[in-house]
Amino acid sequence: MHAAFGCPPPVAPPGAWVTHSAHHALIQCNATHSDELPVRWQLTCRGTSWHGHVGNCTGLASRLAAAAQESK
């Protein structure tokens, strides 16, 4: 019998993209095009599963626009 090692490719939530290597993954919302305030999460592969928190990108563009209007 063979043991499985490594994590499957992580799945990005709606409105996000993902890049990954064997041990780390980065998930970032599409609505954040600026490096000044990216909305992103980092995951670490432990054994055969990803560990870390992934938030919600749905509606982020409208929330960012509303926050920008309030700060003017």
PDB file of N, CA and C in Angstrom:
ATOM      1  N   MET A   1       0.843  -1.168   0.000  1.00  0.00           N
ATOM      2  CA  MET A   1       0.000   0.000   0.000  1.00  0.00           C
ATOM      3  C   MET A   1       0.895   1.241   0.000  1.00  0.00           C
ATOM      4  N   HIS A   2       0.474   2.268  -0.729  1.00  0.00           N
ATOM      5  CA  HIS A   2       1.225   3.512  -0.813  1.00  0.00           C
ATOM      6  C   HIS A   2       0.470   4.610  -0.076  1.00  0.00           C
ATOM      7  N   ALA A   3       1.214   5.414   0.655  1.00  0.00           N
ATOM      8  CA  ALA A   3       0.610   6.552   1.361  1.00  0.00           C
ATOM      9  C   ALA A   3       0.647   7.771   0.449  1.00  0.00           C
ATOM     10  N   ALA A   4      -0.397   8.577   0.507  1.00  0.00           N
ATOM     11  CA  ALA A   4      -0.462   9.802  -0.284  1.00  0.00           C
ATOM     12  C   ALA A   4       0.269  10.921   0.451  1.00  0.00           C
ATOM     13  N   PHE A   5       1.033  11.694  -0.299  1.00  0.00           N
ATOM     14  CA  PHE A   5       1.739  12.838   0.264  1.00  0.00           C
ATOM     15  C   PHE A   5       1.435  14.062  -0.582  1.00  0.00           C
ATOM     16  N   GLY A   6       1.387  15.201   0.059  1.00  0.00           N
ATOM     17  CA  GLY A   6       1.136  16.444  -0.654  1.00  0.00           C
ATOM     18  C   GLY A   6      -0.342  16.786  -0.693  1.00  0.00           C
ATOM     19  N   CYS A   7      -0.600  18.023  -1.024  1.00  0.00           N
ATOM     20  CA  CYS A   7      -1.972  18.540  -1.049  1.00  0.00           C
ATOM     21  C   CYS A   7      -2.478  18.622  -2.483  1.00  0.00           C
ATOM     22  N   PRO A   8      -3.774  18.423  -2.669  1.00  0.00           N
ATOM     23  CA  PRO A   8      -4.346  18.627  -4.007  1.00  0.00           C
ATOM     24  C   PRO A   8      -4.321  20.119  -4.334  1.00  0.00           C
ATOM     25  N   PRO A   9      -4.456  20.487  -5.596  1.00  0.00           N
ATOM     26  CA  PRO A   9      -4.503  21.915  -5.920  1.00  0.00           C
ATOM     27  C   PRO A   9      -5.629  22.602  -5.146  1.00  0.00           C
ATOM     28  N   PRO A  10      -5.343  23.736  -4.496  1.00  0.00           N
ATOM     29  CA  PRO A  10      -6.396  24.439  -3.757  1.00  0.00           C
ATOM     30  C   PRO A  10      -7.406  25.059  -4.717  1.00  0.00           C
ATOM     31  N   VAL A  11      -8.634  25.168  -4.257  1.00  0.00           N
ATOM     32  CA  VAL A  11      -9.711  25.748  -5.059  1.00  0.00           C
ATOM     33  C   VAL A  11      -9.945  27.188  -4.610  1.00  0.00           C
ATOM     34  N   ALA A  12      -9.922  28.108  -5.555  1.00  0.00           N
ATOM     35  CA  ALA A  12     -10.171  29.517  -5.236  1.00  0.00           C
ATOM     36  C   ALA A  12     -11.665  29.746  -5.040  1.00  0.00           C
ATOM     37  N   PRO A  13     -12.039  30.565  -4.065  1.00  0.00           N
ATOM     38  CA  PRO A  13     -13.458  30.906  -3.903  1.00  0.00           C
ATOM     39  C   PRO A  13     -13.901  31.806  -5.053  1.00  0.00           C
ATOM     40  N   PRO A  14     -15.210  31.999  -5.233  1.00  0.00           N
ATOM     41  CA  PRO A  14     -15.691  32.895  -6.298  1.00  0.00           C
ATOM     42  C   PRO A  14     -15.058  34.288  -6.174  1.00  0.00           C
ATOM     43  N   GLY A  15     -14.607  34.822  -7.305  1.00  0.00           N
ATOM     44  CA  GLY A  15     -14.022  36.162  -7.313  1.00  0.00           C
ATOM     45  C   GLY A  15     -12.560  36.195  -6.903  1.00  0.00           C
ATOM     46  N   ALA A  16     -11.876  35.056  -6.969  1.00  0.00           N
ATOM     47  CA  ALA A  16     -10.472  35.002  -6.543  1.00  0.00           C
ATOM     48  C   ALA A  16      -9.665  34.119  -7.486  1.00  0.00           C
ATOM     49  N   TRP A  17      -8.357  34.216  -7.374  1.00  0.00           N
ATOM     50  CA  TRP A  17      -7.442  33.360  -8.115  1.00  0.00           C
ATOM     51  C   TRP A  17      -6.457  32.750  -7.132  1.00  0.00           C
ATOM     52  N   VAL A  18      -5.776  31.707  -7.558  1.00  0.00           N
ATOM     53  CA  VAL A  18      -4.860  30.994  -6.669  1.00  0.00           C
ATOM     54  C   VAL A  18      -3.574  30.628  -7.398  1.00  0.00           C
ATOM     55  N   THR A  19      -2.470  30.725  -6.682  1.00  0.00           N
ATOM     56  CA  THR A  19      -1.187  30.188  -7.134  1.00  0.00           C
ATOM     57  C   THR A  19      -0.696  29.291  -6.015  1.00  0.00           C
ATOM     58  N   HIS A  20       0.037  28.256  -6.377  1.00  0.00           N
ATOM     59  CA  HIS A  20       0.524  27.364  -5.328  1.00  0.00           C
ATOM     60  C   HIS A  20       1.782  26.638  -5.749  1.00  0.00           C
ATOM     61  N   SER A  21       2.508  26.193  -4.740  1.00  0.00           N
ATOM     62  CA  SER A  21       3.658  25.317  -4.916  1.00  0.00           C
ATOM     63  C   SER A  21       3.342  24.052  -4.123  1.00  0.00           C
ATOM     64  N   ALA A  22       4.312  23.227  -3.914  1.00  0.00           N
ATOM     65  CA  ALA A  22       4.065  21.975  -3.186  1.00  0.00           C
ATOM     66  C   ALA A  22       3.639  22.221  -1.743  1.00  0.00           C
ATOM     67  N   HIS A  23       4.128  23.307  -1.126  1.00  0.00           N
ATOM     68  CA  HIS A  23       3.890  23.500   0.307  1.00  0.00           C
ATOM     69  C   HIS A  23       3.149  24.781   0.679  1.00  0.00           C
ATOM     70  N   HIS A  24       2.980  25.701  -0.273  1.00  0.00           N
ATOM     71  CA  HIS A  24       2.337  26.976   0.034  1.00  0.00           C
ATOM     72  C   HIS A  24       1.351  27.363  -1.069  1.00  0.00           C
ATOM     73  N   ALA A  25       0.308  28.082  -0.679  1.00  0.00           N
ATOM     74  CA  ALA A  25      -0.672  28.584  -1.646  1.00  0.00           C
ATOM     75  C   ALA A  25      -1.009  30.027  -1.292  1.00  0.00           C
ATOM     76  N   LEU A  26      -1.278  30.811  -2.311  1.00  0.00           N
ATOM     77  CA  LEU A  26      -1.699  32.196  -2.146  1.00  0.00           C
ATOM     78  C   LEU A  26      -3.017  32.360  -2.890  1.00  0.00           C
ATOM     79  N   ILE A  27      -4.037  32.814  -2.177  1.00  0.00           N
ATOM     80  CA  ILE A  27      -5.343  33.088  -2.766  1.00  0.00           C
ATOM     81  C   ILE A  27      -5.590  34.579  -2.643  1.00  0.00           C
ATOM     82  N   GLN A  28      -5.934  35.236  -3.765  1.00  0.00           N
ATOM     83  CA  GLN A  28      -6.136  36.683  -3.759  1.00  0.00           C
ATOM     84  C   GLN A  28      -7.413  37.038  -4.501  1.00  0.00           C
ATOM     85  N   CYS A  29      -8.142  38.008  -3.962  1.00  0.00           N
ATOM     86  CA  CYS A  29      -9.380  38.463  -4.591  1.00  0.00           C
ATOM     87  C   CYS A  29      -9.086  39.222  -5.879  1.00  0.00           C
ATOM     88  N   ASN A  30      -9.914  39.001  -6.896  1.00  0.00           N
ATOM     89  CA  ASN A  30      -9.762  39.688  -8.179  1.00  0.00           C
ATOM     90  C   ASN A  30      -9.940  41.196  -8.049  1.00  0.00           C
ATOM     91  N   ALA A  31     -10.776  41.639  -7.130  1.00  0.00           N
ATOM     92  CA  ALA A  31     -11.121  43.060  -7.015  1.00  0.00           C
ATOM     93  C   ALA A  31      -9.967  43.904  -6.495  1.00  0.00           C
ATOM     94  N   THR A  32      -8.912  43.304  -5.986  1.00  0.00           N
ATOM     95  CA  THR A  32      -7.799  44.066  -5.429  1.00  0.00           C
ATOM     96  C   THR A  32      -6.643  44.048  -6.411  1.00  0.00           C
ATOM     97  N   HIS A  33      -6.571  45.087  -7.235  1.00  0.00           N
ATOM     98  CA  HIS A  33      -5.511  45.177  -8.232  1.00  0.00           C
ATOM     99  C   HIS A  33      -4.312  45.942  -7.709  1.00  0.00           C
ATOM    100  N   SER A  34      -4.422  46.525  -6.546  1.00  0.00           N
ATOM    101  CA  SER A  34      -3.347  47.326  -5.978  1.00  0.00           C
ATOM    102  C   SER A  34      -2.530  46.498  -5.005  1.00  0.00           C
ATOM    103  N   ASP A  35      -1.217  46.631  -5.082  1.00  0.00           N
ATOM    104  CA  ASP A  35      -0.357  45.946  -4.114  1.00  0.00           C
ATOM    105  C   ASP A  35      -0.386  46.633  -2.755  1.00  0.00           C
ATOM    106  N   GLU A  36      -0.977  47.844  -2.702  1.00  0.00           N
ATOM    107  CA  GLU A  36      -1.035  48.571  -1.439  1.00  0.00           C
ATOM    108  C   GLU A  36      -2.001  47.921  -0.453  1.00  0.00           C
ATOM    109  N   LEU A  37      -3.106  47.383  -0.956  1.00  0.00           N
ATOM    110  CA  LEU A  37      -4.099  46.786  -0.072  1.00  0.00           C
ATOM    111  C   LEU A  37      -4.696  45.533  -0.709  1.00  0.00           C
ATOM    112  N   PRO A  38      -3.866  44.519  -0.980  1.00  0.00           N
ATOM    113  CA  PRO A  38      -4.438  43.311  -1.552  1.00  0.00           C
ATOM    114  C   PRO A  38      -5.199  42.520  -0.488  1.00  0.00           C
ATOM    115  N   VAL A  39      -6.277  41.905  -0.894  1.00  0.00           N
ATOM    116  CA  VAL A  39      -7.024  41.024  -0.007  1.00  0.00           C
ATOM    117  C   VAL A  39      -6.607  39.617  -0.397  1.00  0.00           C
ATOM    118  N   ARG A  40      -5.802  38.993   0.458  1.00  0.00           N
ATOM    119  CA  ARG A  40      -5.253  37.685   0.130  1.00  0.00           C
ATOM    120  C   ARG A  40      -5.012  36.854   1.384  1.00  0.00           C
ATOM    121  N   TRP A  41      -4.885  35.571   1.152  1.00  0.00           N
ATOM    122  CA  TRP A  41      -4.666  34.636   2.249  1.00  0.00           C
ATOM    123  C   TRP A  41      -3.592  33.644   1.844  1.00  0.00           C
ATOM    124  N   GLN A  42      -2.786  33.238   2.812  1.00  0.00           N
ATOM    125  CA  GLN A  42      -1.740  32.259   2.566  1.00  0.00           C
ATOM    126  C   GLN A  42      -2.090  30.964   3.287  1.00  0.00           C
ATOM    127  N   LEU A  43      -1.903  29.862   2.585  1.00  0.00           N
ATOM    128  CA  LEU A  43      -2.170  28.541   3.138  1.00  0.00           C
ATOM    129  C   LEU A  43      -0.873  27.734   3.145  1.00  0.00           C
ATOM    130  N   THR A  44      -0.791  26.787   4.051  1.00  0.00           N
ATOM    131  CA  THR A  44       0.360  25.894   4.151  1.00  0.00           C
ATOM    132  C   THR A  44      -0.118  24.455   4.047  1.00  0.00           C
ATOM    133  N   CYS A  45       0.584  23.673   3.253  1.00  0.00           N
ATOM    134  CA  CYS A  45       0.250  22.257   3.107  1.00  0.00           C
ATOM    135  C   CYS A  45       0.892  21.485   4.249  1.00  0.00           C
ATOM    136  N   ARG A  46       0.053  20.749   4.970  1.00  0.00           N
ATOM    137  CA  ARG A  46       0.534  19.867   6.035  1.00  0.00           C
ATOM    138  C   ARG A  46      -0.024  18.482   5.761  1.00  0.00           C
ATOM    139  N   GLY A  47       0.862  17.574   5.442  1.00  0.00           N
ATOM    140  CA  GLY A  47       0.409  16.229   5.103  1.00  0.00           C
ATOM    141  C   GLY A  47      -0.304  16.236   3.776  1.00  0.00           C
ATOM    142  N   THR A  48      -1.629  16.078   3.817  1.00  0.00           N
ATOM    143  CA  THR A  48      -2.420  16.061   2.580  1.00  0.00           C
ATOM    144  C   THR A  48      -3.533  17.111   2.574  1.00  0.00           C
ATOM    145  N   SER A  49      -3.456  18.102   3.492  1.00  0.00           N
ATOM    146  CA  SER A  49      -4.509  19.123   3.527  1.00  0.00           C
ATOM    147  C   SER A  49      -3.914  20.518   3.727  1.00  0.00           C
ATOM    148  N   TRP A  50      -4.645  21.509   3.194  1.00  0.00           N
ATOM    149  CA  TRP A  50      -4.242  22.906   3.309  1.00  0.00           C
ATOM    150  C   TRP A  50      -4.715  23.469   4.647  1.00  0.00           C
ATOM    151  N   HIS A  51      -3.855  24.264   5.288  1.00  0.00           N
ATOM    152  CA  HIS A  51      -4.188  24.875   6.578  1.00  0.00           C
ATOM    153  C   HIS A  51      -4.063  26.386   6.469  1.00  0.00           C
ATOM    154  N   GLY A  52      -5.054  27.082   6.995  1.00  0.00           N
ATOM    155  CA  GLY A  52      -5.095  28.533   6.969  1.00  0.00           C
ATOM    156  C   GLY A  52      -6.520  28.977   6.684  1.00  0.00           C
ATOM    157  N   HIS A  53      -6.759  30.247   6.862  1.00  0.00           N
ATOM    158  CA  HIS A  53      -8.094  30.821   6.678  1.00  0.00           C
ATOM    159  C   HIS A  53      -8.213  31.421   5.286  1.00  0.00           C
ATOM    160  N   VAL A  54      -9.340  31.202   4.634  1.00  0.00           N
ATOM    161  CA  VAL A  54      -9.656  31.846   3.364  1.00  0.00           C
ATOM    162  C   VAL A  54     -10.950  32.610   3.563  1.00  0.00           C
ATOM    163  N   GLY A  55     -10.926  33.894   3.242  1.00  0.00           N
ATOM    164  CA  GLY A  55     -12.096  34.743   3.430  1.00  0.00           C
ATOM    165  C   GLY A  55     -13.024  34.732   2.224  1.00  0.00           C
ATOM    166  N   ASN A  56     -13.835  35.773   2.139  1.00  0.00           N
ATOM    167  CA  ASN A  56     -14.876  35.876   1.133  1.00  0.00           C
ATOM    168  C   ASN A  56     -14.581  37.060   0.207  1.00  0.00           C
ATOM    169  N   CYS A  57     -14.504  36.811  -1.090  1.00  0.00           N
ATOM    170  CA  CYS A  57     -14.264  37.871  -2.071  1.00  0.00           C
ATOM    171  C   CYS A  57     -15.551  38.394  -2.692  1.00  0.00           C
ATOM    172  N   THR A  58     -16.657  37.707  -2.499  1.00  0.00           N
ATOM    173  CA  THR A  58     -17.917  38.089  -3.117  1.00  0.00           C
ATOM    174  C   THR A  58     -18.333  39.481  -2.660  1.00  0.00           C
ATOM    175  N   GLY A  59     -18.580  40.363  -3.613  1.00  0.00           N
ATOM    176  CA  GLY A  59     -19.007  41.722  -3.298  1.00  0.00           C
ATOM    177  C   GLY A  59     -17.888  42.640  -2.840  1.00  0.00           C
ATOM    178  N   LEU A  60     -16.647  42.177  -2.923  1.00  0.00           N
ATOM    179  CA  LEU A  60     -15.528  42.982  -2.436  1.00  0.00           C
ATOM    180  C   LEU A  60     -15.365  44.276  -3.220  1.00  0.00           C
ATOM    181  N   ALA A  61     -15.525  44.232  -4.534  1.00  0.00           N
ATOM    182  CA  ALA A  61     -15.346  45.437  -5.351  1.00  0.00           C
ATOM    183  C   ALA A  61     -16.298  46.539  -4.913  1.00  0.00           C
ATOM    184  N   SER A  62     -17.565  46.188  -4.652  1.00  0.00           N
ATOM    185  CA  SER A  62     -18.522  47.217  -4.236  1.00  0.00           C
ATOM    186  C   SER A  62     -18.215  47.713  -2.824  1.00  0.00           C
ATOM    187  N   ARG A  63     -17.737  46.836  -1.943  1.00  0.00           N
ATOM    188  CA  ARG A  63     -17.364  47.274  -0.590  1.00  0.00           C
ATOM    189  C   ARG A  63     -16.161  48.209  -0.630  1.00  0.00           C
ATOM    190  N   LEU A  64     -15.178  47.924  -1.482  1.00  0.00           N
ATOM    191  CA  LEU A  64     -14.005  48.793  -1.610  1.00  0.00           C
ATOM    192  C   LEU A  64     -14.400  50.153  -2.189  1.00  0.00           C
ATOM    193  N   ALA A  65     -15.292  50.165  -3.186  1.00  0.00           N
ATOM    194  CA  ALA A  65     -15.745  51.420  -3.784  1.00  0.00           C
ATOM    195  C   ALA A  65     -16.506  52.258  -2.749  1.00  0.00           C
ATOM    196  N   ALA A  66     -17.345  51.634  -1.960  1.00  0.00           N
ATOM    197  CA  ALA A  66     -18.095  52.359  -0.937  1.00  0.00           C
ATOM    198  C   ALA A  66     -17.144  52.942   0.101  1.00  0.00           C
ATOM    199  N   ALA A  67     -16.134  52.183   0.494  1.00  0.00           N
ATOM    200  CA  ALA A  67     -15.165  52.676   1.480  1.00  0.00           C
ATOM    201  C   ALA A  67     -14.371  53.847   0.909  1.00  0.00           C
ATOM    202  N   ALA A  68     -14.038  53.797  -0.372  1.00  0.00           N
ATOM    203  CA  ALA A  68     -13.290  54.898  -1.005  1.00  0.00           C
ATOM    204  C   ALA A  68     -14.152  56.157  -1.041  1.00  0.00           C
ATOM    205  N   GLN A  69     -15.455  56.019  -1.301  1.00  0.00           N
ATOM    206  CA  GLN A  69     -16.354  57.175  -1.350  1.00  0.00           C
ATOM    207  C   GLN A  69     -16.490  57.799   0.048  1.00  0.00           C
ATOM    208  N   GLU A  70     -16.545  56.965   1.081  1.00  0.00           N
ATOM    209  CA  GLU A  70     -16.694  57.471   2.450  1.00  0.00           C
ATOM    210  C   GLU A  70     -15.460  58.226   2.914  1.00  0.00           C
ATOM    211  N   SER A  71     -14.272  57.846   2.384  1.00  0.00           N
ATOM    212  CA  SER A  71     -13.044  58.477   2.852  1.00  0.00           C
ATOM    213  C   SER A  71     -12.778  59.805   2.149  1.00  0.00           C
ATOM    214  N   LYS A  72     -13.594  60.171   1.154  1.00  0.00           N
ATOM    215  CA  LYS A  72     -13.395  61.450   0.441  1.00  0.00           C
ATOM    216  C   LYS A  72     -13.973  62.611   1.203  1.00  0.00           C
TER     217      LYS A  72
END
